[in-house]
Amino acid sequence: MKITQTLRRPANWQDFESLCLLLWREEWKSEDLKKNGRNGQAQNGVDISGHRDGEGEFSGIQCKCKPGNKGLAMDEIDEEINNAKAFKPALRRLVFATTADKDATIEEYVRLKDDENRKKGLFSIDIKSWQDIIDLLERNKSVLNIYLDIVAEDYAVAVTFEDGASETTIHPQYSKIYYLKPAPKGQPRKIASTNDAVRRLALGGLATQLEHITALAEAYSKPVIASPRIVRGSVETNHAFCPLKFMVANQGRTPIDDFKILFFFDNPNVTFIRNNVEKKMLMPEISFSRGVSNVILEDGVGVQMFGKSIIPGDNSCSDDFFVHIPDGIDDVNISWKLLSRHFPAEGTLKIHVEKIYVEDYRYNEEKAGDTDIGDYIEKMDITD
């Protein structure tokens, strides 16, 4: 795993400004790039300025260090753009560099302001989020190494989701049943499903079967004789449970030994399971275990993750598990607390929930007009 995927954000604006100076000197091939004035002086919307790759006009960088991973506000952007119009000589471009995460809404707003400025014959405007800065550090290893020396501590840790982010989005699937009155005798009622995804799934399954049959026909010059197997059963997949995985990365100079991380979900109705697939076989299966899991699941509380040691620059991931968030919940906050032999830490994560509903109809005189929502469970008969 690349160390930049869990790279710690600067804790203060001074470190971030120094990082931006070093990074854009390399990116712009600019020897004269320097900090603009000193703390307390008017900077006209520009923290760092200089010439980019031999250009005649000045370019400027506005550094926005956001403690606690706060986002950049639109009025904040407007204020700095207006300030930068007073910079002398006039700028050719202005770049917002921020420790905030990428935000599609803010990026769109900056694009609109850029277009507005260009039409007026003014400087261009761009924004680089922390993820963008990480990409720049990936291709400027010398700056990355200097930055790691600046921010390195004896003990430092990042606790994130598996992809190294502090926020993630899951897509649980729920079954939505509409109840209708039965059609009068002699007048059959035909209802077409409103769920295109279900129809595509059915057609896709048929197409896959046809492709498989065609492949068999081409592969063999004589008929294929299939022998029936004795073991039969079914597989049920609960698509309302979504996979989740945590990661802890050691960003310090010292190993983190004998650690335990406690994850507390802010909604007590969140539940957890090891696997969202259940096999129901007519004969018992032989199961193989890979050993003791490094997580303990506690419904209504959270998850506990254990480990022996993480050396500097390395990381450890939790074993797979699945989380169930009740219908009606859009976001879930997670507080985490790390305990280890010599070092404690704590922080927060967030899950965004984007629900998918699989729709169907039922005829029921008594429940006509009602709608039921529950977990979407897909059942498939198998032969093993």
Protein backbone atom coordinates (compact mmCIF):
# COMPACT_ATOMS: atom_id res chain seq x y z
CA MET A 1 0.00 0.00 0.00
CA LYS A 2 1.34 3.49 -0.86
CA ILE A 3 2.18 5.55 2.20
CA THR A 4 0.54 8.61 0.65
CA GLN A 5 -2.85 6.90 0.82
CA THR A 6 -2.79 7.35 4.60
CA LEU A 7 -0.58 10.45 4.71
CA ARG A 8 -1.34 12.58 7.72
CA ARG A 9 -2.62 16.07 7.00
CA PRO A 10 -0.58 18.98 8.37
CA ALA A 11 -1.65 19.93 11.89
CA ASN A 12 -1.12 23.68 11.35
CA TRP A 13 -1.13 26.25 8.56
CA GLN A 14 2.63 26.85 8.82
CA ASP A 15 3.48 23.22 7.93
CA PHE A 16 0.91 23.19 5.15
CA GLU A 17 2.20 26.42 3.65
CA SER A 18 5.76 25.04 3.73
CA LEU A 19 4.60 21.85 2.02
CA CYS A 20 2.82 23.83 -0.74
CA LEU A 21 5.92 25.97 -1.29
CA LEU A 22 8.15 22.92 -1.77
CA LEU A 23 5.60 21.05 -3.89
CA TRP A 24 4.73 23.85 -6.32
CA ARG A 25 8.39 24.78 -6.74
CA GLU A 26 8.76 21.33 -8.28
CA GLU A 27 5.44 21.32 -10.13
CA TRP A 28 5.93 24.77 -11.69
CA LYS A 29 9.73 24.45 -12.07
CA SER A 30 9.93 27.79 -10.28
CA GLU A 31 13.06 28.86 -8.41
CA ASP A 32 11.59 32.23 -7.41
CA LEU A 33 8.40 30.88 -5.81
CA LYS A 34 8.23 32.21 -2.24
CA LYS A 35 5.88 33.01 0.61
CA ASN A 36 4.11 36.35 0.33
CA GLY A 37 4.92 38.64 3.27
CA ARG A 38 4.67 37.48 6.87
CA ASN A 39 1.89 36.52 9.25
CA GLY A 40 -0.32 39.48 10.08
CA GLN A 41 0.38 41.43 6.90
CA ALA A 42 -2.20 41.89 4.13
CA GLN A 43 -1.49 39.27 1.47
CA ASN A 44 -4.19 40.12 -1.09
CA GLY A 45 -5.48 36.55 -1.30
CA VAL A 46 -2.06 35.07 -2.06
CA ASP A 47 0.11 33.10 0.39
CA ILE A 48 2.72 31.98 -2.16
CA SER A 49 3.64 33.68 -5.43
CA GLY A 50 6.16 33.41 -8.25
CA HIS A 51 6.58 32.60 -11.93
CA ARG A 52 5.50 29.27 -13.39
CA ASP A 53 7.97 27.58 -15.75
CA GLY A 54 9.40 30.78 -17.20
CA GLU A 55 6.10 32.66 -17.64
CA GLY A 56 6.21 36.44 -17.46
CA GLU A 57 3.15 36.87 -15.24
CA PHE A 58 2.89 35.94 -11.56
CA SER A 59 0.95 32.94 -10.31
CA GLY A 60 -0.43 32.70 -6.78
CA ILE A 61 -1.39 29.98 -4.29
CA GLN A 62 -3.89 30.45 -1.49
CA CYS A 63 -3.27 27.81 1.24
CA LYS A 64 -6.25 26.69 3.29
CA CYS A 65 -5.39 24.35 6.17
CA LYS A 66 -8.65 22.93 7.56
CA PRO A 67 -8.28 21.33 11.03
CA GLY A 68 -10.67 18.47 11.65
CA ASN A 69 -11.05 17.97 7.89
CA LYS A 70 -13.56 20.80 7.55
CA GLY A 71 -14.58 21.82 4.06
CA LEU A 72 -13.96 24.99 2.10
CA ALA A 73 -16.94 27.40 2.01
CA MET A 74 -18.15 29.27 -1.09
CA ASP A 75 -18.09 32.68 0.62
CA GLU A 76 -14.51 31.94 1.70
CA ILE A 77 -13.59 31.33 -1.94
CA ASP A 78 -15.34 34.54 -3.04
CA GLU A 79 -13.47 36.58 -0.43
CA GLU A 80 -10.05 35.29 -1.46
CA ILE A 81 -10.78 35.78 -5.18
CA ASN A 82 -11.76 39.40 -4.54
CA ASN A 83 -8.62 39.90 -2.44
CA ALA A 84 -6.44 38.41 -5.19
CA LYS A 85 -7.72 41.01 -7.66
CA ALA A 86 -5.71 43.58 -5.69
CA PHE A 87 -2.44 41.63 -6.00
CA LYS A 88 0.22 43.54 -7.92
CA PRO A 89 1.30 42.86 -10.56
CA ALA A 90 -1.88 41.19 -11.77
CA LEU A 91 -1.99 37.40 -11.46
CA ARG A 92 -2.17 34.98 -14.36
CA ARG A 93 -3.61 32.19 -12.17
CA LEU A 94 -4.74 31.52 -8.61
CA VAL A 95 -4.72 28.04 -7.08
CA PHE A 96 -6.58 27.13 -3.89
CA ALA A 97 -4.61 24.43 -2.06
CA THR A 98 -6.49 22.86 0.84
CA THR A 99 -6.27 19.99 3.30
CA ALA A 100 -10.03 19.47 2.90
CA ASP A 101 -11.33 16.39 1.07
CA LYS A 102 -12.49 16.56 -2.53
CA ASP A 103 -15.96 18.07 -2.82
CA ALA A 104 -17.82 17.96 -6.15
CA THR A 105 -19.99 20.95 -5.22
CA ILE A 106 -17.02 23.15 -4.34
CA GLU A 107 -15.08 22.01 -7.44
CA GLU A 108 -18.04 22.95 -9.64
CA TYR A 109 -18.27 26.34 -7.93
CA VAL A 110 -14.57 27.00 -8.57
CA ARG A 111 -15.01 26.04 -12.25
CA LEU A 112 -17.85 28.56 -12.55
CA LYS A 113 -15.79 31.28 -10.88
CA ASP A 114 -12.89 30.41 -13.20
CA ASP A 115 -15.13 30.78 -16.26
CA GLU A 116 -16.52 34.06 -14.92
CA ASN A 117 -13.03 35.44 -14.26
CA ARG A 118 -11.64 34.41 -17.67
CA LYS A 119 -14.53 36.10 -19.48
CA LYS A 120 -13.58 39.32 -17.67
CA GLY A 121 -9.96 38.92 -18.74
CA LEU A 122 -8.81 38.13 -15.20
CA PHE A 123 -6.72 35.32 -13.73
CA SER A 124 -7.73 31.65 -13.94
CA ILE A 125 -8.82 29.80 -10.78
CA ASP A 126 -8.21 26.18 -9.77
CA ILE A 127 -8.49 24.11 -6.59
CA LYS A 128 -6.38 21.23 -5.27
CA SER A 129 -7.85 19.15 -2.45
CA TRP A 130 -5.81 16.95 -0.11
CA GLN A 131 -6.34 13.96 -2.44
CA ASP A 132 -5.03 16.05 -5.38
CA ILE A 133 -2.00 17.10 -3.33
CA ILE A 134 -1.33 13.44 -2.50
CA ASP A 135 -1.30 12.70 -6.25
CA LEU A 136 1.26 15.48 -6.73
CA LEU A 137 3.40 14.08 -3.91
CA GLU A 138 3.35 10.66 -5.61
CA ARG A 139 5.28 12.09 -8.54
CA ASN A 140 7.49 14.36 -6.42
CA LYS A 141 9.12 11.85 -4.08
CA SER A 142 11.80 14.26 -2.88
CA VAL A 143 9.13 16.62 -1.52
CA LEU A 144 7.27 13.69 0.02
CA ASN A 145 10.38 12.60 1.92
CA ILE A 146 10.98 16.12 3.22
CA TYR A 147 7.36 16.40 4.32
CA LEU A 148 7.50 13.07 6.14
CA ASP A 149 10.46 14.39 8.15
CA ILE A 150 8.51 17.56 8.99
CA VAL A 151 5.40 15.82 10.31
CA ALA A 152 6.95 12.63 11.69
CA GLU A 153 6.33 11.90 15.38
CA ASP A 154 7.30 9.04 17.63
CA TYR A 155 3.66 7.94 17.72
CA ALA A 156 1.15 8.81 15.01
CA VAL A 157 -1.72 6.77 13.56
CA ALA A 158 -4.41 7.00 10.90
CA VAL A 159 -7.59 4.98 11.34
CA THR A 160 -9.68 4.92 8.17
CA PHE A 161 -11.78 2.71 5.95
CA GLU A 162 -9.97 0.18 3.76
CA ASP A 163 -9.32 2.72 0.96
CA GLY A 164 -7.61 5.16 3.32
CA ALA A 165 -10.55 7.63 3.44
CA SER A 166 -12.34 8.88 6.53
CA GLU A 167 -15.72 8.74 4.77
CA THR A 168 -17.32 6.02 2.68
CA THR A 169 -20.62 5.35 0.91
CA ILE A 170 -22.55 2.09 1.04
CA HIS A 171 -25.50 0.99 -1.14
CA PRO A 172 -27.82 -1.34 0.78
CA GLN A 173 -30.67 -2.90 -1.20
CA TYR A 174 -34.19 -3.08 0.20
CA SER A 175 -37.30 -4.79 -1.06
CA LYS A 176 -40.27 -2.48 -1.64
CA ILE A 177 -43.60 -4.32 -2.03
CA TYR A 178 -46.72 -2.51 -3.29
CA TYR A 179 -50.04 -4.17 -2.39
CA LEU A 180 -52.95 -4.02 -4.87
CA LYS A 181 -56.49 -5.29 -4.88
CA PRO A 182 -56.99 -8.54 -6.81
CA ALA A 183 -58.53 -8.09 -10.25
CA PRO A 184 -62.20 -9.09 -10.61
CA LYS A 185 -62.80 -12.56 -12.00
CA GLY A 186 -62.62 -12.68 -15.78
CA GLN A 187 -60.58 -9.48 -15.89
CA PRO A 188 -56.95 -10.44 -15.31
CA ARG A 189 -54.79 -7.52 -14.31
CA LYS A 190 -51.36 -7.29 -15.85
CA ILE A 191 -48.88 -5.16 -13.95
CA ALA A 192 -45.55 -4.31 -15.50
CA SER A 193 -42.68 -3.96 -13.08
CA THR A 194 -41.48 -0.39 -12.65
CA ASN A 195 -38.03 -1.58 -11.69
CA ASP A 196 -35.88 -1.60 -14.82
CA ALA A 197 -32.94 -2.94 -12.83
CA VAL A 198 -34.84 -6.12 -12.00
CA ARG A 199 -35.79 -6.65 -15.65
CA ARG A 200 -32.21 -6.10 -16.76
CA LEU A 201 -31.02 -8.53 -14.12
CA ALA A 202 -33.39 -11.21 -15.40
CA LEU A 203 -32.44 -10.64 -19.02
CA GLY A 204 -28.77 -10.54 -18.10
CA GLY A 205 -29.08 -13.89 -16.32
CA LEU A 206 -30.74 -15.45 -19.38
CA ALA A 207 -28.08 -14.03 -21.68
CA THR A 208 -25.35 -15.45 -19.47
CA GLN A 209 -26.96 -18.90 -19.58
CA LEU A 210 -27.25 -18.77 -23.37
CA GLU A 211 -23.58 -17.76 -23.68
CA HIS A 212 -22.61 -20.67 -21.43
CA ILE A 213 -24.63 -23.16 -23.51
CA THR A 214 -23.10 -21.82 -26.74
CA ALA A 215 -19.60 -22.13 -25.30
CA LEU A 216 -20.26 -25.75 -24.34
CA ALA A 217 -21.57 -26.54 -27.81
CA GLU A 218 -18.46 -25.08 -29.42
CA ALA A 219 -16.04 -26.76 -27.00
CA TYR A 220 -17.27 -30.31 -27.48
CA SER A 221 -17.82 -32.29 -30.68
CA LYS A 222 -20.17 -34.71 -28.93
CA PRO A 223 -23.09 -34.19 -26.55
CA VAL A 224 -22.24 -33.28 -22.98
CA ILE A 225 -23.83 -35.65 -20.50
CA ALA A 226 -24.47 -34.06 -17.10
CA SER A 227 -24.69 -36.37 -14.11
CA PRO A 228 -27.02 -35.25 -11.32
CA ARG A 229 -25.33 -34.56 -8.01
CA ILE A 230 -26.59 -35.70 -4.66
CA VAL A 231 -26.01 -32.54 -2.61
CA ARG A 232 -28.59 -29.85 -3.25
CA GLY A 233 -29.69 -26.72 -1.46
CA SER A 234 -30.00 -22.96 -1.78
CA VAL A 235 -28.01 -19.79 -1.23
CA GLU A 236 -29.61 -16.69 0.28
CA THR A 237 -27.85 -13.34 -0.04
CA ASN A 238 -29.07 -10.43 2.08
CA HIS A 239 -28.21 -7.36 0.03
CA ALA A 240 -29.23 -4.99 2.84
CA PHE A 241 -25.96 -5.92 4.57
CA CYS A 242 -22.97 -4.14 2.98
CA PRO A 243 -19.26 -5.04 3.25
CA LEU A 244 -17.13 -2.86 5.48
CA LYS A 245 -13.48 -2.92 6.46
CA PHE A 246 -11.28 -0.71 8.64
CA MET A 247 -7.58 0.06 8.31
CA VAL A 248 -5.03 1.35 10.84
CA ALA A 249 -1.75 2.82 9.53
CA ASN A 250 1.34 3.64 11.59
CA GLN A 251 2.52 7.12 10.57
CA GLY A 252 5.05 7.53 13.37
CA ARG A 253 8.60 6.38 14.07
CA THR A 254 7.75 3.77 16.70
CA PRO A 255 5.86 0.45 16.39
CA ILE A 256 2.31 0.35 17.74
CA ASP A 257 2.21 -2.79 19.88
CA ASP A 258 -0.67 -4.85 21.29
CA PHE A 259 -3.36 -2.52 19.98
CA LYS A 260 -7.12 -2.62 20.24
CA ILE A 261 -9.43 -0.24 18.37
CA LEU A 262 -13.01 0.33 19.51
CA PHE A 263 -15.51 1.58 16.91
CA PHE A 264 -18.73 3.10 18.28
CA PHE A 265 -21.61 3.73 15.84
CA ASP A 266 -23.88 6.65 16.78
CA ASN A 267 -27.02 4.63 15.97
CA PRO A 268 -27.68 1.68 18.35
CA ASN A 269 -29.79 -0.09 15.70
CA VAL A 270 -26.79 -0.73 13.43
CA THR A 271 -26.11 -4.48 13.25
CA PHE A 272 -23.22 -6.62 12.02
CA ILE A 273 -22.68 -10.09 10.57
CA ARG A 274 -19.65 -12.03 9.34
CA ASN A 275 -21.17 -12.92 5.98
CA ASN A 276 -24.34 -11.85 4.22
CA VAL A 277 -24.57 -15.17 2.34
CA GLU A 278 -26.24 -18.19 3.93
CA LYS A 279 -26.15 -21.70 2.44
CA LYS A 280 -28.95 -24.11 3.20
CA MET A 281 -27.79 -27.55 2.07
CA LEU A 282 -29.60 -30.88 2.31
CA MET A 283 -26.32 -32.40 3.44
CA PRO A 284 -23.85 -30.65 5.80
CA GLU A 285 -20.87 -28.92 4.20
CA ILE A 286 -17.27 -29.15 5.32
CA SER A 287 -16.14 -25.65 6.26
CA PHE A 288 -12.57 -24.44 6.47
CA SER A 289 -11.63 -21.65 8.89
CA ARG A 290 -8.61 -19.41 8.37
CA GLY A 291 -8.21 -18.96 12.12
CA VAL A 292 -9.37 -16.49 14.73
CA SER A 293 -10.85 -13.27 13.31
CA ASN A 294 -9.25 -9.98 14.31
CA VAL A 295 -12.65 -8.33 14.86
CA ILE A 296 -15.43 -8.77 17.40
CA LEU A 297 -18.91 -7.66 16.31
CA GLU A 298 -21.28 -6.25 18.90
CA ASP A 299 -24.80 -5.34 17.79
CA GLY A 300 -25.93 -2.00 19.17
CA VAL A 301 -22.35 -1.11 20.19
CA GLY A 302 -19.84 -1.43 17.39
CA VAL A 303 -16.74 -3.31 16.36
CA GLN A 304 -13.52 -4.18 18.14
CA MET A 305 -10.32 -4.74 16.15
CA PHE A 306 -7.21 -6.39 17.62
CA GLY A 307 -3.59 -6.73 16.55
CA LYS A 308 -0.09 -7.45 17.80
CA SER A 309 2.16 -4.84 16.18
CA ILE A 310 2.31 -2.38 13.28
CA ILE A 311 5.76 -1.17 12.31
CA PRO A 312 6.33 2.43 11.07
CA GLY A 313 5.05 2.93 7.52
CA ASP A 314 2.95 -0.25 7.59
CA ASN A 315 -0.76 -0.83 8.07
CA SER A 316 -3.24 -3.50 9.16
CA CYS A 317 -6.79 -4.12 7.95
CA SER A 318 -9.71 -5.64 9.80
CA ASP A 319 -11.18 -8.91 8.58
CA ASP A 320 -14.25 -8.73 6.37
CA PHE A 321 -17.64 -8.14 7.95
CA PHE A 322 -21.00 -6.71 6.88
CA VAL A 323 -22.96 -3.82 8.34
CA HIS A 324 -26.74 -3.27 8.31
CA ILE A 325 -28.10 0.26 8.65
CA PRO A 326 -31.90 0.52 9.09
CA ASP A 327 -34.02 2.05 6.35
CA GLY A 328 -34.54 5.75 7.00
CA ILE A 329 -30.94 6.47 8.08
CA ASP A 330 -28.84 8.51 5.62
CA ASP A 331 -25.59 8.99 7.54
CA VAL A 332 -23.90 7.20 10.41
CA ASN A 333 -21.02 8.67 12.42
CA ILE A 334 -18.40 6.37 13.91
CA SER A 335 -16.20 7.31 16.85
CA TRP A 336 -13.02 5.27 17.24
CA LYS A 337 -10.58 4.91 20.11
CA LEU A 338 -7.19 3.21 19.82
CA LEU A 339 -5.59 1.62 22.87
CA SER A 340 -2.08 0.16 22.73
CA ARG A 341 0.85 -0.62 24.98
CA HIS A 342 2.29 2.91 24.86
CA PHE A 343 0.00 5.05 22.74
CA PRO A 344 -3.71 6.07 22.75
CA ALA A 345 -5.56 7.97 20.01
CA GLU A 346 -9.13 8.72 18.92
CA GLY A 347 -11.06 10.17 16.00
CA THR A 348 -14.19 9.92 13.85
CA LEU A 349 -15.32 8.33 10.58
CA LYS A 350 -18.56 8.65 8.59
CA ILE A 351 -20.73 6.33 6.48
CA HIS A 352 -23.04 7.79 3.85
CA VAL A 353 -26.02 5.60 2.92
CA GLU A 354 -27.44 5.56 -0.62
CA LYS A 355 -30.34 3.10 -0.71
CA ILE A 356 -31.46 1.00 -3.65
CA TYR A 357 -35.05 -0.29 -3.73
CA VAL A 358 -36.06 -3.42 -5.62
CA GLU A 359 -39.78 -3.00 -6.36
CA ASP A 360 -42.49 -5.65 -6.74
CA TYR A 361 -46.27 -6.08 -6.49
CA ARG A 362 -48.55 -8.32 -4.45
CA TYR A 363 -52.31 -8.79 -4.63
CA ASN A 364 -53.96 -8.61 -1.23
CA GLU A 365 -57.45 -7.29 -0.54
CA GLU A 366 -56.76 -6.39 3.10
CA LYS A 367 -53.38 -4.69 2.50
CA ALA A 368 -54.29 -2.93 -0.76
CA GLY A 369 -52.67 0.51 -0.82
CA ASP A 370 -49.96 -0.41 1.69
CA THR A 371 -46.22 -0.56 0.98
CA ASP A 372 -43.81 -2.82 2.82
CA ILE A 373 -40.07 -2.20 2.94
CA GLY A 374 -37.65 -4.87 4.12
CA ASP A 375 -34.25 -6.37 3.39
CA TYR A 376 -33.79 -7.51 -0.20
CA ILE A 377 -32.90 -11.20 0.04
CA GLU A 378 -31.94 -12.96 -3.16
CA LYS A 379 -32.41 -16.74 -3.17
CA MET A 380 -30.76 -19.11 -5.63
CA ASP A 381 -31.11 -22.89 -5.81
CA ILE A 382 -27.81 -24.71 -6.24
CA THR A 383 -26.33 -28.15 -6.77
CA ASP A 384 -23.01 -28.78 -5.13
